[in-house]
Full PDB file with SEQRES, HELIX, SHEET, SSBOND, CRYST1, ORIGX, SCALE, CONECT and MASTER records, all heavy atoms in Angstrom:
SEQRES   1 A   30  VAL VAL ALA VAL TYR SER THR PHE LEU ASN ARG ALA PHE          
SEQRES   2 A   30  ASP GLN LEU LEU LEU ASP VAL ALA LEU HIS LYS ALA GLY          
SEQRES   3 A   30  VAL THR PHE VAL                                              
HELIX    1 AA1 SER A    6  LEU A    9  1                                   4    
HELIX    2 AA2 ASN A   10  ALA A   12  5                                   3    
HELIX    3 AA3 PHE A   13  ASP A   14  1                                   2    
HELIX    4 AA4 GLN A   15  ALA A   21  3                                   7    
CRYST1    1.000    1.000    1.000  90.00  90.00  90.00 P 1           1          
ORIGX1      1.000000  0.000000  0.000000        0.00000                         
ORIGX2      0.000000  1.000000  0.000000        0.00000                         
ORIGX3      0.000000  0.000000  1.000000        0.00000                         
SCALE1      1.000000  0.000000  0.000000        0.00000                         
SCALE2      0.000000  1.000000  0.000000        0.00000                         
SCALE3      0.000000  0.000000  1.000000        0.00000                         
ATOM      1  N   VAL A   1    -133.298 -74.069 -10.200  1.00  0.00           N  
ATOM      2  CA  VAL A   1    -134.237 -73.964  -9.093  1.00  0.00           C  
ATOM      3  C   VAL A   1    -134.595 -72.491  -8.957  1.00  0.00           C  
ATOM      4  O   VAL A   1    -133.742 -71.663  -8.635  1.00  0.00           O  
ATOM      5  CB  VAL A   1    -133.634 -74.498  -7.779  1.00  0.00           C  
ATOM      6  CG1 VAL A   1    -134.597 -74.276  -6.620  1.00  0.00           C  
ATOM      7  CG2 VAL A   1    -133.271 -75.965  -7.911  1.00  0.00           C  
ATOM      8  N   VAL A   2    -135.848 -72.161  -9.236  1.00  0.00           N  
ATOM      9  CA  VAL A   2    -136.319 -70.772  -9.193  1.00  0.00           C  
ATOM     10  C   VAL A   2    -137.070 -70.573  -7.883  1.00  0.00           C  
ATOM     11  O   VAL A   2    -138.148 -71.135  -7.677  1.00  0.00           O  
ATOM     12  CB  VAL A   2    -137.244 -70.448 -10.380  1.00  0.00           C  
ATOM     13  CG1 VAL A   2    -137.697 -68.991 -10.311  1.00  0.00           C  
ATOM     14  CG2 VAL A   2    -136.541 -70.726 -11.702  1.00  0.00           C  
ATOM     15  N   ALA A   3    -136.501 -69.791  -6.977  1.00  0.00           N  
ATOM     16  CA  ALA A   3    -137.099 -69.584  -5.651  1.00  0.00           C  
ATOM     17  C   ALA A   3    -137.690 -68.181  -5.562  1.00  0.00           C  
ATOM     18  O   ALA A   3    -136.971 -67.183  -5.691  1.00  0.00           O  
ATOM     19  CB  ALA A   3    -136.050 -69.783  -4.557  1.00  0.00           C  
ATOM     20  N   VAL A   4    -138.996 -68.106  -5.369  1.00  0.00           N  
ATOM     21  CA  VAL A   4    -139.703 -66.830  -5.238  1.00  0.00           C  
ATOM     22  C   VAL A   4    -140.802 -66.988  -4.201  1.00  0.00           C  
ATOM     23  O   VAL A   4    -141.148 -68.099  -3.809  1.00  0.00           O  
ATOM     24  CB  VAL A   4    -140.336 -66.374  -6.577  1.00  0.00           C  
ATOM     25  CG1 VAL A   4    -139.271 -66.057  -7.608  1.00  0.00           C  
ATOM     26  CG2 VAL A   4    -141.298 -67.411  -7.112  1.00  0.00           C  
ATOM     27  N   TYR A   5    -141.370 -65.864  -3.753  1.00  0.00           N  
ATOM     28  CA  TYR A   5    -142.560 -65.940  -2.916  1.00  0.00           C  
ATOM     29  C   TYR A   5    -143.727 -66.442  -3.766  1.00  0.00           C  
ATOM     30  O   TYR A   5    -143.829 -66.144  -4.960  1.00  0.00           O  
ATOM     31  CB  TYR A   5    -142.919 -64.572  -2.354  1.00  0.00           C  
ATOM     32  CG  TYR A   5    -142.047 -64.083  -1.219  1.00  0.00           C  
ATOM     33  CD1 TYR A   5    -140.914 -64.779  -0.808  1.00  0.00           C  
ATOM     34  CD2 TYR A   5    -142.358 -62.899  -0.558  1.00  0.00           C  
ATOM     35  CE1 TYR A   5    -140.124 -64.311   0.224  1.00  0.00           C  
ATOM     36  CE2 TYR A   5    -141.580 -62.420   0.480  1.00  0.00           C  
ATOM     37  CZ  TYR A   5    -140.460 -63.129   0.865  1.00  0.00           C  
ATOM     38  OH  TYR A   5    -139.683 -62.668   1.891  1.00  0.00           O  
ATOM     39  N   SER A   6    -144.640 -67.151  -3.131  1.00  0.00           N  
ATOM     40  CA  SER A   6    -145.799 -67.685  -3.848  1.00  0.00           C  
ATOM     41  C   SER A   6    -146.558 -66.585  -4.580  1.00  0.00           C  
ATOM     42  O   SER A   6    -146.930 -66.736  -5.749  1.00  0.00           O  
ATOM     43  CB  SER A   6    -146.739 -68.394  -2.861  1.00  0.00           C  
ATOM     44  OG  SER A   6    -147.973 -68.682  -3.459  1.00  0.00           O  
ATOM     45  N   THR A   7    -146.786 -65.457  -3.910  1.00  0.00           N  
ATOM     46  CA  THR A   7    -147.577 -64.393  -4.517  1.00  0.00           C  
ATOM     47  C   THR A   7    -146.926 -63.828  -5.769  1.00  0.00           C  
ATOM     48  O   THR A   7    -147.596 -63.320  -6.662  1.00  0.00           O  
ATOM     49  CB  THR A   7    -147.838 -63.257  -3.503  1.00  0.00           C  
ATOM     50  OG1 THR A   7    -148.693 -62.284  -4.085  1.00  0.00           O  
ATOM     51  CG2 THR A   7    -146.544 -62.589  -3.066  1.00  0.00           C  
ATOM     52  N   PHE A   8    -145.583 -63.911  -5.857  1.00  0.00           N  
ATOM     53  CA  PHE A   8    -144.888 -63.341  -7.004  1.00  0.00           C  
ATOM     54  C   PHE A   8    -144.853 -64.277  -8.207  1.00  0.00           C  
ATOM     55  O   PHE A   8    -144.518 -63.838  -9.310  1.00  0.00           O  
ATOM     56  CB  PHE A   8    -143.477 -62.913  -6.610  1.00  0.00           C  
ATOM     57  CG  PHE A   8    -143.450 -61.812  -5.588  1.00  0.00           C  
ATOM     58  CD1 PHE A   8    -142.575 -61.854  -4.519  1.00  0.00           C  
ATOM     59  CD2 PHE A   8    -144.325 -60.738  -5.679  1.00  0.00           C  
ATOM     60  CE1 PHE A   8    -142.560 -60.842  -3.563  1.00  0.00           C  
ATOM     61  CE2 PHE A   8    -144.320 -59.727  -4.740  1.00  0.00           C  
ATOM     62  CZ  PHE A   8    -143.435 -59.773  -3.678  1.00  0.00           C  
ATOM     63  N   LEU A   9    -145.194 -65.545  -8.009  1.00  0.00           N  
ATOM     64  CA  LEU A   9    -145.293 -66.430  -9.164  1.00  0.00           C  
ATOM     65  C   LEU A   9    -146.431 -65.981 -10.070  1.00  0.00           C  
ATOM     66  O   LEU A   9    -146.400 -66.221 -11.282  1.00  0.00           O  
ATOM     67  CB  LEU A   9    -145.513 -67.880  -8.729  1.00  0.00           C  
ATOM     68  CG  LEU A   9    -145.597 -68.892  -9.880  1.00  0.00           C  
ATOM     69  CD1 LEU A   9    -144.239 -69.039 -10.564  1.00  0.00           C  
ATOM     70  CD2 LEU A   9    -146.090 -70.244  -9.393  1.00  0.00           C  
ATOM     71  N   ASN A  10    -147.441 -65.319  -9.485  1.00  0.00           N  
ATOM     72  CA  ASN A  10    -148.564 -64.813 -10.283  1.00  0.00           C  
ATOM     73  C   ASN A  10    -148.067 -63.981 -11.460  1.00  0.00           C  
ATOM     74  O   ASN A  10    -148.657 -63.991 -12.540  1.00  0.00           O  
ATOM     75  CB  ASN A  10    -149.481 -63.930  -9.429  1.00  0.00           C  
ATOM     76  CG  ASN A  10    -150.048 -64.653  -8.225  1.00  0.00           C  
ATOM     77  OD1 ASN A  10    -149.908 -65.853  -8.092  1.00  0.00           O  
ATOM     78  ND2 ASN A  10    -150.685 -63.911  -7.338  1.00  0.00           N  
ATOM     79  N   ARG A  11    -146.978 -63.250 -11.237  1.00  0.00           N  
ATOM     80  CA  ARG A  11    -146.473 -62.325 -12.251  1.00  0.00           C  
ATOM     81  C   ARG A  11    -145.832 -63.053 -13.433  1.00  0.00           C  
ATOM     82  O   ARG A  11    -145.605 -62.455 -14.479  1.00  0.00           O  
ATOM     83  CB  ARG A  11    -145.451 -61.389 -11.608  1.00  0.00           C  
ATOM     84  CG  ARG A  11    -146.020 -60.545 -10.475  1.00  0.00           C  
ATOM     85  CD  ARG A  11    -144.933 -60.059  -9.526  1.00  0.00           C  
ATOM     86  NE  ARG A  11    -144.008 -59.166 -10.159  1.00  0.00           N  
ATOM     87  CZ  ARG A  11    -144.007 -57.837  -9.999  1.00  0.00           C  
ATOM     88  NH1 ARG A  11    -144.924 -57.266  -9.239  1.00  0.00           N  
ATOM     89  NH2 ARG A  11    -143.116 -57.081 -10.584  1.00  0.00           N  
ATOM     90  N   ALA A  12    -145.519 -64.323 -13.257  1.00  0.00           N  
ATOM     91  CA  ALA A  12    -144.822 -65.071 -14.311  1.00  0.00           C  
ATOM     92  C   ALA A  12    -145.645 -66.260 -14.797  1.00  0.00           C  
ATOM     93  O   ALA A  12    -145.092 -67.238 -15.297  1.00  0.00           O  
ATOM     94  CB  ALA A  12    -143.468 -65.549 -13.799  1.00  0.00           C  
ATOM     95  N   PHE A  13    -146.972 -66.164 -14.661  1.00  0.00           N  
ATOM     96  CA  PHE A  13    -147.792 -67.322 -15.018  1.00  0.00           C  
ATOM     97  C   PHE A  13    -147.680 -67.676 -16.501  1.00  0.00           C  
ATOM     98  O   PHE A  13    -147.569 -68.848 -16.869  1.00  0.00           O  
ATOM     99  CB  PHE A  13    -149.262 -67.068 -14.668  1.00  0.00           C  
ATOM    100  CG  PHE A  13    -150.151 -68.220 -15.048  1.00  0.00           C  
ATOM    101  CD1 PHE A  13    -150.187 -69.368 -14.271  1.00  0.00           C  
ATOM    102  CD2 PHE A  13    -150.917 -68.182 -16.202  1.00  0.00           C  
ATOM    103  CE1 PHE A  13    -150.977 -70.444 -14.619  1.00  0.00           C  
ATOM    104  CE2 PHE A  13    -151.724 -69.251 -16.564  1.00  0.00           C  
ATOM    105  CZ  PHE A  13    -151.748 -70.390 -15.766  1.00  0.00           C  
ATOM    106  N   ASP A  14    -147.697 -66.693 -17.373  1.00  0.00           N  
ATOM    107  CA  ASP A  14    -147.609 -66.983 -18.808  1.00  0.00           C  
ATOM    108  C   ASP A  14    -146.304 -67.687 -19.139  1.00  0.00           C  
ATOM    109  O   ASP A  14    -146.270 -68.625 -19.955  1.00  0.00           O  
ATOM    110  CB  ASP A  14    -147.725 -65.686 -19.613  1.00  0.00           C  
ATOM    111  CG  ASP A  14    -147.692 -65.932 -21.111  1.00  0.00           C  
ATOM    112  OD1 ASP A  14    -148.659 -66.523 -21.625  1.00  0.00           O  
ATOM    113  OD2 ASP A  14    -146.703 -65.559 -21.764  1.00  0.00           O  
ATOM    114  N   GLN A  15    -145.218 -67.256 -18.499  1.00  0.00           N  
ATOM    115  CA  GLN A  15    -143.921 -67.883 -18.758  1.00  0.00           C  
ATOM    116  C   GLN A  15    -143.876 -69.304 -18.216  1.00  0.00           C  
ATOM    117  O   GLN A  15    -143.316 -70.207 -18.848  1.00  0.00           O  
ATOM    118  CB  GLN A  15    -142.808 -67.037 -18.144  1.00  0.00           C  
ATOM    119  CG  GLN A  15    -142.548 -65.720 -18.869  1.00  0.00           C  
ATOM    120  CD  GLN A  15    -143.672 -64.719 -18.727  1.00  0.00           C  
ATOM    121  OE1 GLN A  15    -144.362 -64.676 -17.692  1.00  0.00           O  
ATOM    122  NE2 GLN A  15    -143.875 -63.899 -19.735  1.00  0.00           N  
ATOM    123  N   LEU A  16    -144.470 -69.509 -17.031  1.00  0.00           N  
ATOM    124  CA  LEU A  16    -144.571 -70.859 -16.481  1.00  0.00           C  
ATOM    125  C   LEU A  16    -145.344 -71.766 -17.431  1.00  0.00           C  
ATOM    126  O   LEU A  16    -144.946 -72.907 -17.702  1.00  0.00           O  
ATOM    127  CB  LEU A  16    -145.254 -70.816 -15.111  1.00  0.00           C  
ATOM    128  CG  LEU A  16    -145.695 -72.159 -14.510  1.00  0.00           C  
ATOM    129  CD1 LEU A  16    -144.490 -73.041 -14.223  1.00  0.00           C  
ATOM    130  CD2 LEU A  16    -146.516 -71.934 -13.241  1.00  0.00           C  
ATOM    131  N   LEU A  17    -146.453 -71.241 -17.946  1.00  0.00           N  
ATOM    132  CA  LEU A  17    -147.332 -72.047 -18.792  1.00  0.00           C  
ATOM    133  C   LEU A  17    -146.712 -72.354 -20.154  1.00  0.00           C  
ATOM    134  O   LEU A  17    -146.628 -73.518 -20.559  1.00  0.00           O  
ATOM    135  CB  LEU A  17    -148.664 -71.309 -18.971  1.00  0.00           C  
ATOM    136  CG  LEU A  17    -149.725 -71.987 -19.840  1.00  0.00           C  
ATOM    137  CD1 LEU A  17    -150.232 -73.264 -19.177  1.00  0.00           C  
ATOM    138  CD2 LEU A  17    -150.887 -71.026 -20.106  1.00  0.00           C  
ATOM    139  N   LEU A  18    -146.268 -71.311 -20.859  1.00  0.00           N  
ATOM    140  CA  LEU A  18    -145.913 -71.483 -22.263  1.00  0.00           C  
ATOM    141  C   LEU A  18    -144.415 -71.585 -22.538  1.00  0.00           C  
ATOM    142  O   LEU A  18    -144.013 -72.159 -23.554  1.00  0.00           O  
ATOM    143  CB  LEU A  18    -146.508 -70.342 -23.092  1.00  0.00           C  
ATOM    144  CG  LEU A  18    -148.040 -70.290 -23.086  1.00  0.00           C  
ATOM    145  CD1 LEU A  18    -148.551 -69.133 -23.921  1.00  0.00           C  
ATOM    146  CD2 LEU A  18    -148.627 -71.606 -23.593  1.00  0.00           C  
ATOM    147  N   ASP A  19    -143.579 -71.034 -21.673  1.00  0.00           N  
ATOM    148  CA  ASP A  19    -142.143 -71.162 -21.888  1.00  0.00           C  
ATOM    149  C   ASP A  19    -141.556 -72.373 -21.169  1.00  0.00           C  
ATOM    150  O   ASP A  19    -140.644 -73.022 -21.681  1.00  0.00           O  
ATOM    151  CB  ASP A  19    -141.420 -69.891 -21.433  1.00  0.00           C  
ATOM    152  CG  ASP A  19    -141.721 -68.703 -22.335  1.00  0.00           C  
ATOM    153  OD1 ASP A  19    -141.955 -68.934 -23.534  1.00  0.00           O  
ATOM    154  OD2 ASP A  19    -141.730 -67.567 -21.848  1.00  0.00           O  
ATOM    155  N   VAL A  20    -142.094 -72.656 -19.977  1.00  0.00           N  
ATOM    156  CA  VAL A  20    -141.549 -73.763 -19.195  1.00  0.00           C  
ATOM    157  C   VAL A  20    -142.346 -75.050 -19.419  1.00  0.00           C  
ATOM    158  O   VAL A  20    -141.810 -76.058 -19.895  1.00  0.00           O  
ATOM    159  CB  VAL A  20    -141.497 -73.411 -17.691  1.00  0.00           C  
ATOM    160  CG1 VAL A  20    -140.919 -74.573 -16.890  1.00  0.00           C  
ATOM    161  CG2 VAL A  20    -140.662 -72.152 -17.464  1.00  0.00           C  
ATOM    162  N   ALA A  21    -143.638 -75.026 -19.103  1.00  0.00           N  
ATOM    163  CA  ALA A  21    -144.433 -76.256 -19.160  1.00  0.00           C  
ATOM    164  C   ALA A  21    -144.627 -76.763 -20.587  1.00  0.00           C  
ATOM    165  O   ALA A  21    -144.504 -77.962 -20.858  1.00  0.00           O  
ATOM    166  CB  ALA A  21    -145.791 -76.036 -18.493  1.00  0.00           C  
ATOM    167  N   LEU A  22    -144.937 -75.863 -21.515  1.00  0.00           N  
ATOM    168  CA  LEU A  22    -145.130 -76.293 -22.904  1.00  0.00           C  
ATOM    169  C   LEU A  22    -143.890 -76.987 -23.449  1.00  0.00           C  
ATOM    170  O   LEU A  22    -143.980 -77.953 -24.207  1.00  0.00           O  
ATOM    171  CB  LEU A  22    -145.487 -75.081 -23.777  1.00  0.00           C  
ATOM    172  CG  LEU A  22    -145.602 -75.329 -25.283  1.00  0.00           C  
ATOM    173  CD1 LEU A  22    -146.753 -76.285 -25.589  1.00  0.00           C  
ATOM    174  CD2 LEU A  22    -145.790 -74.018 -26.034  1.00  0.00           C  
ATOM    175  N   HIS A  23    -142.733 -76.514 -23.034  1.00  0.00           N  
ATOM    176  CA  HIS A  23    -141.480 -77.080 -23.520  1.00  0.00           C  
ATOM    177  C   HIS A  23    -140.956 -78.208 -22.634  1.00  0.00           C  
ATOM    178  O   HIS A  23    -139.838 -78.689 -22.837  1.00  0.00           O  
ATOM    179  CB  HIS A  23    -140.425 -75.972 -23.631  1.00  0.00           C  
ATOM    180  CG  HIS A  23    -140.742 -74.951 -24.679  1.00  0.00           C  
ATOM    181  ND1 HIS A  23    -141.571 -73.867 -24.444  1.00  0.00           N  
ATOM    182  CD2 HIS A  23    -140.377 -74.866 -25.974  1.00  0.00           C  
ATOM    183  CE1 HIS A  23    -141.681 -73.153 -25.552  1.00  0.00           C  
ATOM    184  NE2 HIS A  23    -140.979 -73.736 -26.494  1.00  0.00           N  
ATOM    185  N   LYS A  24    -141.760 -78.584 -21.639  1.00  0.00           N  
ATOM    186  CA  LYS A  24    -141.394 -79.677 -20.734  1.00  0.00           C  
ATOM    187  C   LYS A  24    -139.986 -79.488 -20.173  1.00  0.00           C  
ATOM    188  O   LYS A  24    -139.178 -80.415 -20.113  1.00  0.00           O  
ATOM    189  CB  LYS A  24    -141.512 -81.028 -21.443  1.00  0.00           C  
ATOM    190  CG  LYS A  24    -142.929 -81.343 -21.904  1.00  0.00           C  
ATOM    191  CD  LYS A  24    -143.016 -82.708 -22.571  1.00  0.00           C  
ATOM    192  CE  LYS A  24    -144.451 -83.004 -23.015  1.00  0.00           C  
ATOM    193  NZ  LYS A  24    -144.567 -84.314 -23.701  1.00  0.00           N  
ATOM    194  N   ALA A  25    -139.739 -78.252 -19.758  1.00  0.00           N  
ATOM    195  CA  ALA A  25    -138.415 -77.907 -19.239  1.00  0.00           C  
ATOM    196  C   ALA A  25    -138.237 -78.428 -17.821  1.00  0.00           C  
ATOM    197  O   ALA A  25    -139.126 -78.285 -16.979  1.00  0.00           O  
ATOM    198  CB  ALA A  25    -138.228 -76.393 -19.263  1.00  0.00           C  
ATOM    199  N   GLY A  26    -137.094 -78.984 -17.542  1.00  0.00           N  
ATOM    200  CA  GLY A  26    -136.786 -79.487 -16.209  1.00  0.00           C  
ATOM    201  C   GLY A  26    -136.382 -78.360 -15.283  1.00  0.00           C  
ATOM    202  O   GLY A  26    -135.200 -78.178 -14.961  1.00  0.00           O  
ATOM    203  N   VAL A  27    -137.367 -77.592 -14.855  1.00  0.00           N  
ATOM    204  CA  VAL A  27    -137.163 -76.459 -13.954  1.00  0.00           C  
ATOM    205  C   VAL A  27    -137.952 -76.722 -12.681  1.00  0.00           C  
ATOM    206  O   VAL A  27    -139.110 -77.151 -12.745  1.00  0.00           O  
ATOM    207  CB  VAL A  27    -137.647 -75.139 -14.587  1.00  0.00           C  
ATOM    208  CG1 VAL A  27    -137.512 -73.980 -13.601  1.00  0.00           C  
ATOM    209  CG2 VAL A  27    -136.884 -74.846 -15.871  1.00  0.00           C  
ATOM    210  N   THR A  28    -137.348 -76.470 -11.531  1.00  0.00           N  
ATOM    211  CA  THR A  28    -138.047 -76.614 -10.251  1.00  0.00           C  
ATOM    212  C   THR A  28    -138.311 -75.240  -9.652  1.00  0.00           C  
ATOM    213  O   THR A  28    -137.376 -74.462  -9.425  1.00  0.00           O  
ATOM    214  CB  THR A  28    -137.227 -77.462  -9.264  1.00  0.00           C  
ATOM    215  OG1 THR A  28    -137.080 -78.783  -9.783  1.00  0.00           O  
ATOM    216  CG2 THR A  28    -137.916 -77.530  -7.906  1.00  0.00           C  
ATOM    217  N   PHE A  29    -139.579 -74.947  -9.416  1.00  0.00           N  
ATOM    218  CA  PHE A  29    -139.975 -73.709  -8.740  1.00  0.00           C  
ATOM    219  C   PHE A  29    -140.172 -74.010  -7.254  1.00  0.00           C  
ATOM    220  O   PHE A  29    -140.819 -74.998  -6.901  1.00  0.00           O  
ATOM    221  CB  PHE A  29    -141.270 -73.157  -9.327  1.00  0.00           C  
ATOM    222  CG  PHE A  29    -141.138 -72.661 -10.741  1.00  0.00           C  
ATOM    223  CD1 PHE A  29    -141.263 -73.532 -11.813  1.00  0.00           C  
ATOM    224  CD2 PHE A  29    -140.867 -71.327 -10.994  1.00  0.00           C  
ATOM    225  CE1 PHE A  29    -141.133 -73.084 -13.119  1.00  0.00           C  
ATOM    226  CE2 PHE A  29    -140.734 -70.867 -12.300  1.00  0.00           C  
ATOM    227  CZ  PHE A  29    -140.860 -71.749 -13.362  1.00  0.00           C  
ATOM    228  N   VAL A  30    -139.632 -73.164  -6.405  1.00  0.00           N  
ATOM    229  CA  VAL A  30    -139.815 -73.298  -4.960  1.00  0.00           C  
ATOM    230  C   VAL A  30    -140.532 -72.051  -4.468  1.00  0.00           C  
ATOM    231  O   VAL A  30    -140.012 -70.933  -4.575  1.00  0.00           O  
ATOM    232  CB  VAL A  30    -138.469 -73.476  -4.232  1.00  0.00           C  
ATOM    233  CG1 VAL A  30    -138.683 -73.517  -2.723  1.00  0.00           C  
ATOM    234  CG2 VAL A  30    -137.782 -74.760  -4.704  1.00  0.00           C  
TER     235      VAL A  30                                                      
MASTER        0    0    0    4    0    0    0    6  234    1    0    3          
END                                                                             
């Protein structure tokens, strides 16, 4: 469970897209 402020997720968009989502990783962002 990765908990961050909404505005700070902007900084990790590439990782969300290609490291997490592409690999269908079971990660929950809050």
